[in-house]
Amino acid sequence: MTIDGMNASSMKKIFCSSCGCIVGLDGNLVSVKSKLGKDVECMRCRNARISRDIDSMNEHFEGIPEEACSEF
C-alpha cells in the first residue's frame, strides 16, 4: 500500500503522450482515459496543460488588458 492508500499492484506504467517519460499511474485512471479517447499524461504535463487552459480562458473572458491595447 502506498501513502495515499492506492494499492501498488493497481499501478500501471504508461508512456506520457506529451513529454515521453514513463510514469506509474493508477490502472483505473489509465483505463478510463483510454475508453474516453483521451491522451494519458504524466502529472507534470497534465498540470502544465491545465495551467495553459486556465490562462487561455482567463484571457478570453477577461479581455485584453488596456496596456496591451495601446500596443496595437
N, C-alpha and C. Protein backbone atom coordinates (compact mmCIF):
# COMPACT_ATOMS: atom_id res chain seq x y z
N MET A 1 0.84 -1.18 0.00
CA MET A 1 0.00 0.00 0.00
C MET A 1 0.89 1.25 0.00
N THR A 2 0.52 2.22 -0.78
CA THR A 2 1.27 3.48 -0.79
C THR A 2 0.68 4.43 0.25
N ILE A 3 1.30 5.57 0.43
CA ILE A 3 0.87 6.53 1.45
C ILE A 3 -0.56 7.00 1.21
N ASP A 4 -0.93 7.23 -0.03
CA ASP A 4 -2.26 7.76 -0.33
C ASP A 4 -3.34 6.67 -0.37
N GLY A 5 -2.99 5.45 -0.02
CA GLY A 5 -3.97 4.38 0.05
C GLY A 5 -4.16 3.62 -1.26
N MET A 6 -3.44 3.96 -2.30
CA MET A 6 -3.57 3.26 -3.56
C MET A 6 -2.71 2.00 -3.51
N ASN A 7 -3.27 0.91 -3.91
CA ASN A 7 -2.57 -0.36 -3.90
C ASN A 7 -1.50 -0.34 -4.99
N ALA A 8 -0.29 -0.71 -4.63
CA ALA A 8 0.82 -0.70 -5.58
C ALA A 8 0.58 -1.64 -6.75
N SER A 9 -0.21 -2.69 -6.55
CA SER A 9 -0.48 -3.62 -7.64
C SER A 9 -1.42 -3.03 -8.69
N SER A 10 -2.14 -1.97 -8.35
CA SER A 10 -3.04 -1.34 -9.33
C SER A 10 -2.31 -0.31 -10.19
N MET A 11 -1.02 -0.08 -9.89
CA MET A 11 -0.24 0.88 -10.67
C MET A 11 0.09 0.30 -12.04
N LYS A 12 0.10 1.17 -13.03
CA LYS A 12 0.40 0.75 -14.39
C LYS A 12 1.43 1.73 -14.96
N LYS A 13 2.47 1.22 -15.57
CA LYS A 13 3.48 2.07 -16.19
C LYS A 13 2.94 2.53 -17.55
N ILE A 14 2.97 3.85 -17.76
CA ILE A 14 2.48 4.41 -19.02
C ILE A 14 3.54 5.32 -19.63
N PHE A 15 3.37 5.57 -20.91
CA PHE A 15 4.22 6.46 -21.68
C PHE A 15 3.46 7.78 -21.82
N CYS A 16 3.99 8.87 -21.28
CA CYS A 16 3.33 10.17 -21.36
C CYS A 16 3.29 10.62 -22.82
N SER A 17 2.08 10.94 -23.28
CA SER A 17 1.92 11.33 -24.67
C SER A 17 2.49 12.72 -24.97
N SER A 18 2.76 13.51 -23.93
CA SER A 18 3.28 14.87 -24.13
C SER A 18 4.79 14.95 -24.09
N CYS A 19 5.40 14.42 -23.01
CA CYS A 19 6.86 14.57 -22.86
C CYS A 19 7.63 13.28 -23.12
N GLY A 20 6.95 12.15 -23.14
CA GLY A 20 7.61 10.90 -23.45
C GLY A 20 8.20 10.15 -22.28
N CYS A 21 8.02 10.65 -21.06
CA CYS A 21 8.57 9.93 -19.91
C CYS A 21 7.64 8.76 -19.53
N ILE A 22 8.19 7.81 -18.82
CA ILE A 22 7.42 6.66 -18.37
C ILE A 22 7.14 6.86 -16.89
N VAL A 23 5.85 6.84 -16.52
CA VAL A 23 5.43 7.07 -15.14
C VAL A 23 4.45 6.00 -14.70
N GLY A 24 4.34 5.82 -13.39
CA GLY A 24 3.37 4.89 -12.83
C GLY A 24 2.09 5.62 -12.46
N LEU A 25 0.97 5.20 -13.04
CA LEU A 25 -0.33 5.78 -12.74
C LEU A 25 -1.30 4.68 -12.34
N ASP A 26 -2.39 5.07 -11.71
CA ASP A 26 -3.43 4.13 -11.33
C ASP A 26 -4.01 3.49 -12.59
N GLY A 27 -4.11 2.16 -12.59
CA GLY A 27 -4.62 1.43 -13.73
C GLY A 27 -6.03 1.82 -14.11
N ASN A 28 -6.89 2.13 -13.11
CA ASN A 28 -8.27 2.54 -13.40
C ASN A 28 -8.30 3.86 -14.16
N LEU A 29 -7.45 4.80 -13.77
CA LEU A 29 -7.37 6.09 -14.44
C LEU A 29 -6.96 5.90 -15.90
N VAL A 30 -5.97 5.08 -16.13
CA VAL A 30 -5.49 4.82 -17.48
C VAL A 30 -6.60 4.18 -18.31
N SER A 31 -7.32 3.24 -17.73
CA SER A 31 -8.41 2.56 -18.43
C SER A 31 -9.52 3.53 -18.82
N VAL A 32 -9.93 4.39 -17.90
CA VAL A 32 -11.00 5.35 -18.18
C VAL A 32 -10.57 6.33 -19.26
N LYS A 33 -9.36 6.86 -19.16
CA LYS A 33 -8.88 7.82 -20.16
C LYS A 33 -8.81 7.16 -21.55
N SER A 34 -8.37 5.92 -21.60
CA SER A 34 -8.30 5.22 -22.87
C SER A 34 -9.69 5.02 -23.48
N LYS A 35 -10.65 4.64 -22.64
CA LYS A 35 -12.02 4.46 -23.13
C LYS A 35 -12.63 5.75 -23.65
N LEU A 36 -12.25 6.88 -23.05
CA LEU A 36 -12.76 8.18 -23.48
C LEU A 36 -11.99 8.75 -24.67
N GLY A 37 -10.92 8.07 -25.06
CA GLY A 37 -10.13 8.52 -26.20
C GLY A 37 -9.22 9.69 -25.87
N LYS A 38 -8.92 9.87 -24.59
CA LYS A 38 -8.06 10.97 -24.16
C LYS A 38 -6.61 10.51 -24.06
N ASP A 39 -5.71 11.46 -24.22
CA ASP A 39 -4.29 11.17 -24.05
C ASP A 39 -3.99 10.97 -22.57
N VAL A 40 -3.07 10.06 -22.27
CA VAL A 40 -2.63 9.83 -20.90
C VAL A 40 -1.34 10.60 -20.70
N GLU A 41 -1.34 11.49 -19.69
CA GLU A 41 -0.20 12.36 -19.44
C GLU A 41 0.34 12.13 -18.04
N CYS A 42 1.62 12.45 -17.86
CA CYS A 42 2.19 12.43 -16.51
C CYS A 42 1.64 13.65 -15.75
N MET A 43 1.82 13.69 -14.46
CA MET A 43 1.27 14.77 -13.64
C MET A 43 1.86 16.14 -14.02
N ARG A 44 3.14 16.17 -14.35
CA ARG A 44 3.77 17.44 -14.71
C ARG A 44 3.14 18.02 -15.98
N CYS A 45 2.97 17.18 -16.99
CA CYS A 45 2.39 17.65 -18.25
C CYS A 45 0.91 17.99 -18.08
N ARG A 46 0.21 17.21 -17.27
CA ARG A 46 -1.21 17.48 -17.01
C ARG A 46 -1.37 18.83 -16.33
N ASN A 47 -0.55 19.09 -15.31
CA ASN A 47 -0.62 20.37 -14.60
C ASN A 47 -0.28 21.53 -15.52
N ALA A 48 0.72 21.37 -16.38
CA ALA A 48 1.10 22.42 -17.31
C ALA A 48 -0.03 22.69 -18.31
N ARG A 49 -0.68 21.64 -18.81
CA ARG A 49 -1.79 21.79 -19.75
C ARG A 49 -2.96 22.51 -19.09
N ILE A 50 -3.30 22.12 -17.87
CA ILE A 50 -4.40 22.76 -17.16
C ILE A 50 -4.09 24.23 -16.92
N SER A 51 -2.85 24.54 -16.55
CA SER A 51 -2.45 25.93 -16.34
C SER A 51 -2.60 26.75 -17.61
N ARG A 52 -2.17 26.18 -18.75
CA ARG A 52 -2.33 26.88 -20.03
C ARG A 52 -3.80 27.09 -20.36
N ASP A 53 -4.62 26.08 -20.11
CA ASP A 53 -6.06 26.18 -20.37
C ASP A 53 -6.70 27.28 -19.52
N ILE A 54 -6.33 27.33 -18.25
CA ILE A 54 -6.87 28.36 -17.35
C ILE A 54 -6.44 29.75 -17.82
N ASP A 55 -5.16 29.90 -18.17
CA ASP A 55 -4.67 31.20 -18.66
C ASP A 55 -5.41 31.61 -19.93
N SER A 56 -5.64 30.66 -20.83
CA SER A 56 -6.35 30.94 -22.07
C SER A 56 -7.79 31.38 -21.80
N MET A 57 -8.45 30.67 -20.88
CA MET A 57 -9.83 31.04 -20.54
C MET A 57 -9.88 32.41 -19.88
N ASN A 58 -8.93 32.69 -18.99
CA ASN A 58 -8.88 34.00 -18.34
C ASN A 58 -8.71 35.11 -19.37
N GLU A 59 -7.80 34.92 -20.33
CA GLU A 59 -7.60 35.92 -21.37
C GLU A 59 -8.86 36.11 -22.20
N HIS A 60 -9.53 35.01 -22.51
CA HIS A 60 -10.74 35.09 -23.33
C HIS A 60 -11.87 35.83 -22.61
N PHE A 61 -12.12 35.49 -21.35
CA PHE A 61 -13.25 36.05 -20.64
C PHE A 61 -12.97 37.40 -20.00
N GLU A 62 -11.72 37.70 -19.70
CA GLU A 62 -11.37 38.98 -19.10
C GLU A 62 -11.01 40.03 -20.14
N GLY A 63 -10.78 39.60 -21.36
CA GLY A 63 -10.42 40.53 -22.42
C GLY A 63 -8.95 40.89 -22.37
N ILE A 64 -8.55 41.70 -23.31
CA ILE A 64 -7.16 42.13 -23.40
C ILE A 64 -6.96 43.30 -22.44
N PRO A 65 -5.93 43.28 -21.61
CA PRO A 65 -5.67 44.40 -20.69
C PRO A 65 -5.46 45.71 -21.47
N GLU A 66 -5.84 46.82 -20.88
CA GLU A 66 -5.74 48.12 -21.56
C GLU A 66 -4.31 48.45 -21.98
N GLU A 67 -3.32 48.04 -21.18
CA GLU A 67 -1.92 48.31 -21.53
C GLU A 67 -1.58 47.64 -22.86
N ALA A 68 -2.10 46.44 -23.06
CA ALA A 68 -1.80 45.71 -24.30
C ALA A 68 -2.50 46.33 -25.50
N CYS A 69 -3.65 46.96 -25.27
CA CYS A 69 -4.40 47.59 -26.37
C CYS A 69 -3.64 48.76 -26.97
N SER A 70 -2.88 49.47 -26.16
CA SER A 70 -2.15 50.64 -26.65
C SER A 70 -1.04 50.24 -27.60
N GLU A 71 -0.61 48.98 -27.54
CA GLU A 71 0.45 48.50 -28.42
C GLU A 71 -0.05 48.30 -29.85
N PHE A 72 -1.35 48.10 -30.01
CA PHE A 72 -1.91 47.84 -31.33
C PHE A 72 -2.29 49.14 -31.93
